[in-house]
N, C-alpha and C. Protein backbone atom coordinates (compact mmCIF):
# COMPACT_ATOMS: atom_id res chain seq x y z
N MET A 1 0.48 -1.46 0.04
CA MET A 1 0.02 0.28 -0.19
C MET A 1 0.91 1.20 0.05
N LYS A 2 0.47 2.48 -0.24
CA LYS A 2 1.42 3.39 -0.54
C LYS A 2 1.18 3.95 0.79
N ARG A 3 2.48 4.69 1.19
CA ARG A 3 2.96 4.72 2.55
C ARG A 3 2.09 6.53 2.50
N TYR A 4 1.88 7.36 1.89
CA TYR A 4 1.17 8.86 2.23
C TYR A 4 -0.64 8.61 1.78
N CYS A 5 -1.13 7.64 2.62
CA CYS A 5 -2.45 7.26 2.05
C CYS A 5 -2.88 7.08 3.58
N ASP A 6 -4.30 7.81 3.49
CA ASP A 6 -5.09 8.06 4.86
C ASP A 6 -5.63 6.50 5.08
N SER A 7 -5.93 5.97 3.91
CA SER A 7 -6.63 4.69 4.45
C SER A 7 -5.95 3.17 3.72
N LYS A 8 -6.22 2.22 4.21
CA LYS A 8 -5.20 0.84 3.08
C LYS A 8 -6.23 -0.04 2.54
N THR A 9 -7.11 0.95 2.21
CA THR A 9 -8.54 0.06 1.50
C THR A 9 -8.13 -0.19 0.03
N ARG A 10 -8.41 -1.34 -0.68
CA ARG A 10 -8.08 -1.68 -1.87
C ARG A 10 -8.63 -0.49 -2.59
N LEU A 11 -9.78 -0.13 -2.42
CA LEU A 11 -10.07 1.20 -3.01
C LEU A 11 -9.11 2.52 -3.11
N MET A 12 -9.00 2.96 -1.81
CA MET A 12 -7.73 4.10 -1.90
C MET A 12 -6.78 3.59 -2.53
N LYS A 13 -6.20 2.52 -2.29
CA LYS A 13 -5.00 1.87 -3.44
C LYS A 13 -5.01 2.13 -5.03
N TYR A 14 -5.98 2.05 -5.40
CA TYR A 14 -6.88 2.00 -6.71
C TYR A 14 -6.73 3.49 -7.14
N LEU A 15 -7.30 4.31 -6.24
CA LEU A 15 -7.70 5.90 -6.66
C LEU A 15 -5.84 6.37 -6.70
N TYR A 16 -5.17 6.06 -5.70
CA TYR A 16 -3.37 6.36 -5.40
C TYR A 16 -3.11 5.79 -6.87
N ASP A 17 -3.39 4.89 -7.30
CA ASP A 17 -2.56 4.49 -7.91
C ASP A 17 -2.81 5.25 -9.80
N THR A 18 -4.15 5.24 -9.60
CA THR A 18 -4.77 5.99 -10.57
C THR A 18 -4.48 7.51 -11.11
N TYR A 19 -4.91 8.02 -9.85
CA TYR A 19 -4.69 9.88 -9.66
C TYR A 19 -3.68 10.33 -9.60
N LEU A 20 -2.52 9.60 -9.22
CA LEU A 20 -1.27 10.36 -8.32
C LEU A 20 -0.40 9.76 -9.53
N TYR A 21 0.49 10.68 -9.60
CA TYR A 21 1.78 10.32 -11.10
C TYR A 21 2.88 10.91 -9.82
N ASN A 22 3.56 9.87 -9.54
CA ASN A 22 4.79 10.02 -8.78
C ASN A 22 5.00 10.36 -7.46
N HIS A 23 3.64 10.66 -6.73
CA HIS A 23 3.18 11.20 -5.14
C HIS A 23 2.09 12.17 -5.79
N ILE A 24 2.08 12.83 -6.88
CA ILE A 24 1.76 14.14 -7.27
C ILE A 24 0.13 14.33 -7.73
N ASP A 25 -0.47 14.82 -6.82
CA ASP A 25 -2.23 14.37 -6.96
C ASP A 25 -2.50 15.60 -8.63
N ILE A 26 -3.64 15.52 -8.72
CA ILE A 26 -4.19 16.57 -9.88
C ILE A 26 -3.84 17.48 -9.83
N PHE A 27 -4.08 18.28 -8.87
CA PHE A 27 -3.83 19.86 -8.41
C PHE A 27 -2.45 19.91 -8.12
N ASN A 28 -1.13 19.37 -8.38
CA ASN A 28 -0.38 19.61 -8.63
C ASN A 28 0.19 19.94 -7.23
N PHE A 29 -0.19 18.87 -6.31
CA PHE A 29 0.32 19.00 -4.47
C PHE A 29 1.23 17.61 -4.48
N GLU A 30 2.21 17.58 -3.81
CA GLU A 30 2.85 16.26 -3.37
C GLU A 30 2.32 15.46 -2.23
N ALA A 31 1.72 14.35 -2.51
CA ALA A 31 1.71 13.82 -0.95
C ALA A 31 2.83 13.40 -0.33
N SER A 32 3.08 13.54 1.06
CA SER A 32 4.08 13.12 1.59
C SER A 32 3.54 12.87 2.98
N ARG A 33 4.12 12.72 4.05
CA ARG A 33 3.64 12.07 5.59
C ARG A 33 2.89 13.13 6.04
N GLU A 34 2.83 14.45 5.63
CA GLU A 34 2.55 15.15 6.20
C GLU A 34 1.58 16.01 5.33
N ASN A 35 1.00 15.47 4.01
CA ASN A 35 0.00 15.89 3.37
C ASN A 35 -0.58 14.58 2.79
N LYS A 36 -1.18 13.67 3.58
CA LYS A 36 -1.25 12.23 3.09
C LYS A 36 -2.92 12.38 2.10
N VAL A 37 -2.58 11.45 1.65
CA VAL A 37 -3.64 11.45 -0.01
C VAL A 37 -5.20 10.53 1.19
N THR A 38 -6.35 11.59 0.67
CA THR A 38 -7.67 11.18 1.04
C THR A 38 -8.61 11.22 -0.02
N TYR A 39 -9.44 10.34 0.34
CA TYR A 39 -10.57 10.18 -0.67
C TYR A 39 -11.61 11.58 -0.55
N HIS A 40 -11.93 11.96 -2.25
CA HIS A 40 -12.93 13.37 -2.34
C HIS A 40 -14.10 12.68 -2.87
N HIS A 41 -15.34 13.00 -2.20
CA HIS A 41 -16.46 12.84 -3.00
C HIS A 41 -16.77 13.83 -4.34
N ILE A 42 -16.93 13.32 -5.42
CA ILE A 42 -17.41 14.11 -6.53
C ILE A 42 -18.29 14.89 -6.51
N ILE A 43 -19.83 14.12 -5.93
CA ILE A 43 -20.92 14.65 -5.64
C ILE A 43 -21.18 14.43 -4.18
N LYS A 44 -21.58 15.33 -3.73
CA LYS A 44 -21.65 15.53 -2.30
C LYS A 44 -22.57 14.32 -1.66
N VAL A 45 -21.84 13.81 -0.14
CA VAL A 45 -22.72 13.04 0.04
C VAL A 45 -24.15 13.63 0.83
N GLU A 46 -24.54 15.14 1.24
CA GLU A 46 -25.47 15.64 0.90
C GLU A 46 -26.53 15.75 -0.29
N GLU A 47 -25.66 15.78 -0.91
CA GLU A 47 -26.49 15.64 -2.71
C GLU A 47 -26.58 14.20 -2.93
N LEU A 48 -26.08 13.21 -2.57
CA LEU A 48 -26.38 11.48 -2.68
C LEU A 48 -27.17 11.28 -1.87
N LYS A 49 -27.70 11.86 -0.36
CA LYS A 49 -28.67 11.56 0.13
C LYS A 49 -29.57 12.03 -0.18
N LEU A 50 -30.05 13.15 -0.61
CA LEU A 50 -31.25 14.10 -1.34
C LEU A 50 -32.00 13.39 -1.94
N LEU A 51 -31.17 12.71 -3.44
CA LEU A 51 -31.47 12.37 -4.21
C LEU A 51 -31.79 10.27 -3.96
N GLY A 52 -31.62 9.91 -2.90
CA GLY A 52 -31.25 8.70 -2.38
C GLY A 52 -30.67 7.41 -3.08
N PHE A 53 -29.96 7.81 -2.92
CA PHE A 53 -28.43 7.29 -3.80
C PHE A 53 -27.78 6.63 -2.54
N PRO A 54 -26.73 6.06 -2.67
CA PRO A 54 -26.16 5.30 -1.74
C PRO A 54 -25.06 6.08 -1.79
N VAL A 55 -24.51 5.94 -0.18
CA VAL A 55 -23.23 7.56 0.32
C VAL A 55 -22.15 7.02 0.59
N LYS A 56 -21.96 5.43 -0.10
CA LYS A 56 -20.26 5.04 0.33
C LYS A 56 -19.29 5.50 -0.59
N LYS A 57 -18.53 5.48 -0.54
CA LYS A 57 -17.37 5.75 -1.24
C LYS A 57 -17.00 4.07 -1.95
N THR A 58 -16.88 4.74 -3.68
CA THR A 58 -17.16 4.63 -5.02
C THR A 58 -15.85 4.83 -5.94
N VAL A 59 -15.44 4.22 -6.41
CA VAL A 59 -14.41 4.38 -7.65
C VAL A 59 -15.11 5.80 -8.59
N GLU A 60 -16.64 5.64 -9.17
CA GLU A 60 -17.31 6.17 -9.73
C GLU A 60 -17.53 7.32 -8.93
N ASN A 61 -17.57 7.69 -8.16
CA ASN A 61 -17.88 9.24 -7.42
C ASN A 61 -16.07 9.68 -6.58
N GLY A 62 -15.50 8.94 -7.00
CA GLY A 62 -14.40 9.63 -5.98
C GLY A 62 -13.33 9.82 -6.86
N ILE A 63 -12.19 10.57 -6.07
CA ILE A 63 -11.00 10.87 -6.67
C ILE A 63 -10.16 11.19 -5.50
N ALA A 64 -8.68 10.73 -5.38
CA ALA A 64 -7.98 10.58 -4.59
C ALA A 64 -6.93 11.82 -4.74
N LEU A 65 -7.09 12.85 -3.68
CA LEU A 65 -6.11 14.14 -3.72
C LEU A 65 -5.74 14.29 -2.00
N THR A 66 -4.48 14.85 -2.06
CA THR A 66 -3.77 15.64 -1.27
C THR A 66 -4.87 16.08 0.06
N ARG A 67 -4.73 16.18 1.33
CA ARG A 67 -5.04 16.70 2.20
C ARG A 67 -5.08 18.39 1.58
N ILE A 68 -3.86 19.03 1.35
CA ILE A 68 -3.85 20.08 0.84
C ILE A 68 -4.99 20.61 -0.13
N ALA A 69 -4.60 20.07 -1.15
CA ALA A 69 -5.62 19.64 -2.41
C ALA A 69 -7.19 19.73 -1.94
N HIS A 70 -7.28 18.55 -1.38
CA HIS A 70 -8.86 18.82 -0.56
C HIS A 70 -9.82 19.70 0.31
N SER A 71 -8.53 20.52 1.20
CA SER A 71 -9.05 21.19 1.66
C SER A 71 -9.13 22.53 0.72
N TYR A 72 -7.93 22.90 0.02
CA TYR A 72 -7.89 23.62 -1.18
C TYR A 72 -9.28 23.74 -1.96
N LEU A 73 -9.75 22.68 -2.39
CA LEU A 73 -10.69 22.71 -3.51
C LEU A 73 -12.00 23.17 -2.64
N HIS A 74 -12.48 23.02 -0.90
CA HIS A 74 -13.66 23.25 -0.64
C HIS A 74 -12.93 24.81 -0.44
N LEU A 75 -12.21 25.16 -0.10
CA LEU A 75 -12.07 26.58 0.07
C LEU A 75 -12.52 27.36 -1.26
N ILE A 76 -12.14 27.17 -2.29
CA ILE A 76 -12.57 27.41 -3.76
C ILE A 76 -13.98 27.25 -3.98
N GLU A 77 -14.48 26.09 -3.31
CA GLU A 77 -15.93 25.87 -3.52
C GLU A 77 -16.88 27.29 -2.91
N ASP A 78 -16.47 27.52 -1.90
CA ASP A 78 -17.09 28.46 -0.50
C ASP A 78 -17.15 29.77 -1.06
N PHE A 79 -15.64 30.31 -1.66
CA PHE A 79 -15.51 31.46 -2.37
C PHE A 79 -15.56 31.85 -3.77
N ALA A 80 -15.38 30.43 -4.36
CA ALA A 80 -15.48 30.98 -5.77
C ALA A 80 -16.07 29.96 -6.76
N PRO A 81 -17.77 29.48 -6.21
CA PRO A 81 -18.14 28.85 -6.76
C PRO A 81 -17.86 28.43 -8.64
N ASP A 82 -17.85 29.79 -9.15
CA ASP A 82 -17.73 29.61 -10.67
C ASP A 82 -16.42 28.72 -11.15
N ILE A 83 -15.43 29.05 -10.40
CA ILE A 83 -14.25 28.26 -10.57
C ILE A 83 -14.05 26.65 -9.99
N TYR A 84 -14.64 26.51 -9.09
CA TYR A 84 -15.22 25.13 -8.41
C TYR A 84 -15.87 24.48 -9.60
N PHE A 85 -16.92 25.15 -10.16
CA PHE A 85 -17.75 24.33 -10.82
C PHE A 85 -16.59 23.92 -12.03
N HIS A 86 -15.93 24.60 -12.66
CA HIS A 86 -14.94 24.50 -13.91
C HIS A 86 -13.65 23.37 -13.07
N LEU A 87 -13.21 23.49 -12.39
CA LEU A 87 -12.43 22.32 -11.40
C LEU A 87 -12.97 21.35 -11.28
N ASN A 88 -14.31 21.17 -11.09
CA ASN A 88 -15.21 19.97 -11.42
C ASN A 88 -15.43 19.02 -12.52
N LYS A 89 -15.66 20.23 -13.15
CA LYS A 89 -15.82 19.67 -15.00
C LYS A 89 -14.47 18.48 -15.01
N ILE A 90 -13.40 19.36 -14.79
CA ILE A 90 -12.26 18.49 -15.40
C ILE A 90 -12.49 17.16 -14.48
N ILE A 91 -12.63 17.18 -12.79
CA ILE A 91 -12.42 16.09 -12.51
C ILE A 91 -13.54 14.52 -12.79
N LEU A 92 -14.75 15.43 -13.26
CA LEU A 92 -15.55 14.13 -13.74
C LEU A 92 -15.36 13.61 -14.69
N LEU A 93 -14.65 14.69 -16.02
CA LEU A 93 -13.82 14.21 -17.17
C LEU A 93 -12.61 12.98 -17.10
N ILE A 94 -11.80 13.67 -15.89
CA ILE A 94 -10.65 12.69 -15.52
C ILE A 94 -11.07 11.28 -14.64
N THR A 95 -12.36 11.22 -14.02
CA THR A 95 -12.59 10.34 -13.19
C THR A 95 -13.56 9.14 -13.90
N LYS A 96 -14.23 10.26 -15.10
CA LYS A 96 -14.89 9.08 -15.83
C LYS A 96 -14.13 8.06 -16.74
N GLU A 97 -13.15 8.93 -17.00
CA GLU A 97 -11.87 8.26 -18.31
C GLU A 97 -11.36 7.35 -17.29
N ARG A 98 -11.10 7.56 -16.03
CA ARG A 98 -10.26 6.75 -15.03
C ARG A 98 -8.76 6.81 -15.43
N ARG A 99 -8.25 8.05 -15.25
CA ARG A 99 -6.88 8.55 -15.95
C ARG A 99 -6.11 9.79 -15.68
N LEU A 100 -5.34 9.72 -15.70
CA LEU A 100 -4.48 11.01 -14.85
C LEU A 100 -4.61 12.01 -15.91
N PRO A 101 -4.76 13.16 -15.55
CA PRO A 101 -4.74 14.79 -16.29
C PRO A 101 -3.97 14.89 -17.12
N THR A 102 -4.47 15.13 -18.23
CA THR A 102 -3.04 15.33 -19.58
C THR A 102 -2.11 16.59 -18.98
N PHE A 103 -1.33 16.89 -19.87
CA PHE A 103 -0.92 17.95 -19.79
C PHE A 103 -1.37 19.44 -19.96
N GLU A 104 -2.55 19.18 -21.00
CA GLU A 104 -3.19 20.37 -21.18
C GLU A 104 -4.37 20.57 -20.15
N GLU A 105 -5.05 19.51 -19.43
CA GLU A 105 -5.66 19.72 -17.89
C GLU A 105 -5.02 20.11 -17.11
N ARG A 106 -4.02 19.66 -16.85
CA ARG A 106 -3.08 20.20 -15.47
C ARG A 106 -2.59 21.58 -15.81
N SER A 107 -2.28 22.18 -17.14
CA SER A 107 -2.20 23.50 -17.14
C SER A 107 -3.75 24.14 -16.94
N LEU A 108 -4.51 23.81 -17.20
CA LEU A 108 -5.83 24.51 -17.04
C LEU A 108 -6.45 24.50 -15.88
N ILE A 109 -5.63 23.73 -15.16
CA ILE A 109 -5.97 23.35 -13.63
C ILE A 109 -5.16 24.23 -12.76
N GLN A 110 -4.04 24.29 -13.49
CA GLN A 110 -3.00 25.40 -12.57
C GLN A 110 -3.79 27.15 -12.98
N ILE A 111 -3.93 26.74 -14.34
CA ILE A 111 -4.87 28.69 -14.63
C ILE A 111 -6.08 28.91 -13.45
N LEU A 112 -6.76 27.79 -13.30
CA LEU A 112 -8.08 28.21 -12.52
C LEU A 112 -7.35 28.33 -11.20
N LEU A 113 -6.49 27.60 -10.59
CA LEU A 113 -6.00 27.80 -9.43
C LEU A 113 -5.56 29.09 -9.00
N GLU A 114 -4.97 29.56 -10.31
CA GLU A 114 -4.20 31.34 -10.41
C GLU A 114 -5.40 31.92 -10.21
N ALA A 115 -6.11 31.56 -10.90
CA ALA A 115 -7.28 32.70 -11.32
C ALA A 115 -8.10 33.10 -9.96
N PHE A 116 -8.20 31.78 -9.24
CA PHE A 116 -8.79 31.73 -7.62
C PHE A 116 -7.90 32.87 -6.53
N GLU A 117 -6.55 32.78 -6.89
CA GLU A 117 -5.61 33.42 -6.06
C GLU A 117 -5.40 34.85 -6.30
N TYR A 118 -5.99 35.23 -7.76
CA TYR A 118 -5.92 36.44 -8.35
C TYR A 118 -6.95 37.05 -7.66
N ARG A 119 -8.09 36.25 -7.90
CA ARG A 119 -9.34 37.02 -7.30
C ARG A 119 -9.29 37.29 -5.52
N MET A 120 -9.10 36.46 -5.16
CA MET A 120 -8.75 36.61 -3.65
C MET A 120 -7.81 37.19 -3.30
N SER A 121 -6.70 37.59 -4.04
CA SER A 121 -5.43 38.34 -3.35
C SER A 121 -6.08 39.95 -2.95
N ALA A 122 -7.39 40.44 -3.27
CA ALA A 122 -7.41 41.84 -2.92
C ALA A 122 -8.24 41.85 -1.42
N TYR A 123 -8.83 40.79 -0.75
CA TYR A 123 -9.30 40.67 0.19
C TYR A 123 -9.20 39.42 1.15
N TYR A 124 -8.66 38.57 0.75
CA TYR A 124 -8.35 37.20 1.54
C TYR A 124 -6.62 36.72 1.24
N GLU A 125 -6.35 36.82 2.56
CA GLU A 125 -4.84 36.32 2.41
C GLU A 125 -4.63 34.69 2.11
N ILE A 126 -4.45 33.92 1.15
CA ILE A 126 -4.68 32.55 0.96
C ILE A 126 -3.41 32.14 1.74
N ASN A 127 -3.57 31.07 2.62
CA ASN A 127 -2.31 30.19 3.13
C ASN A 127 -1.25 29.78 2.27
N GLU A 128 -0.01 30.03 3.20
CA GLU A 128 0.94 29.92 1.75
C GLU A 128 0.93 27.83 1.34
N MET A 129 0.60 27.44 2.26
CA MET A 129 0.81 25.90 1.91
C MET A 129 -0.20 26.08 0.55
N TYR A 130 -1.18 26.34 0.48
CA TYR A 130 -1.71 26.34 -0.68
C TYR A 130 -1.47 26.59 -1.99
N LEU A 131 0.06 27.29 -2.12
CA LEU A 131 0.76 28.26 -3.27
C LEU A 131 2.02 27.42 -3.16
N LYS A 132 2.08 26.33 -2.75
CA LYS A 132 2.87 25.08 -2.69
C LYS A 132 2.90 24.24 -3.78
N ARG A 133 2.69 24.25 -5.00
CA ARG A 133 2.34 23.39 -6.03
C ARG A 133 3.78 22.82 -6.87
N THR A 134 4.07 21.35 -7.13
CA THR A 134 5.11 21.33 -7.36
C THR A 134 4.55 21.56 -9.45
N PHE A 135 3.66 22.14 -10.14
CA PHE A 135 3.57 22.51 -11.82
C PHE A 135 4.63 23.31 -11.68
């Protein structure tokens, strides 16, 4: 099992192997002892419950993200739903095809993260841990 993963389940091993390249997640954050890999529900548990769908973790509704990337994605969701929408579209495409992002998709993700950071710079100081990406 991967050493930088929160869970030792077969599902998390599969997601880790599918969505991390050289311990780097799709948002270009490196997994480490301090930044372990977690499961991210693509469609939120609350929404699944409202629709009467099962809420368990599945390959179809999940992606492996480092804790920092996971936290950052939720910050973006709260402060910039439009940017979150576009990031989620990329996540949906990648997970539907069960593959790593292409160079172009990683570049687009980077552009969206930088757009969020630029927008927030006027009134909210983003924690430096979110700015340390490997791309």
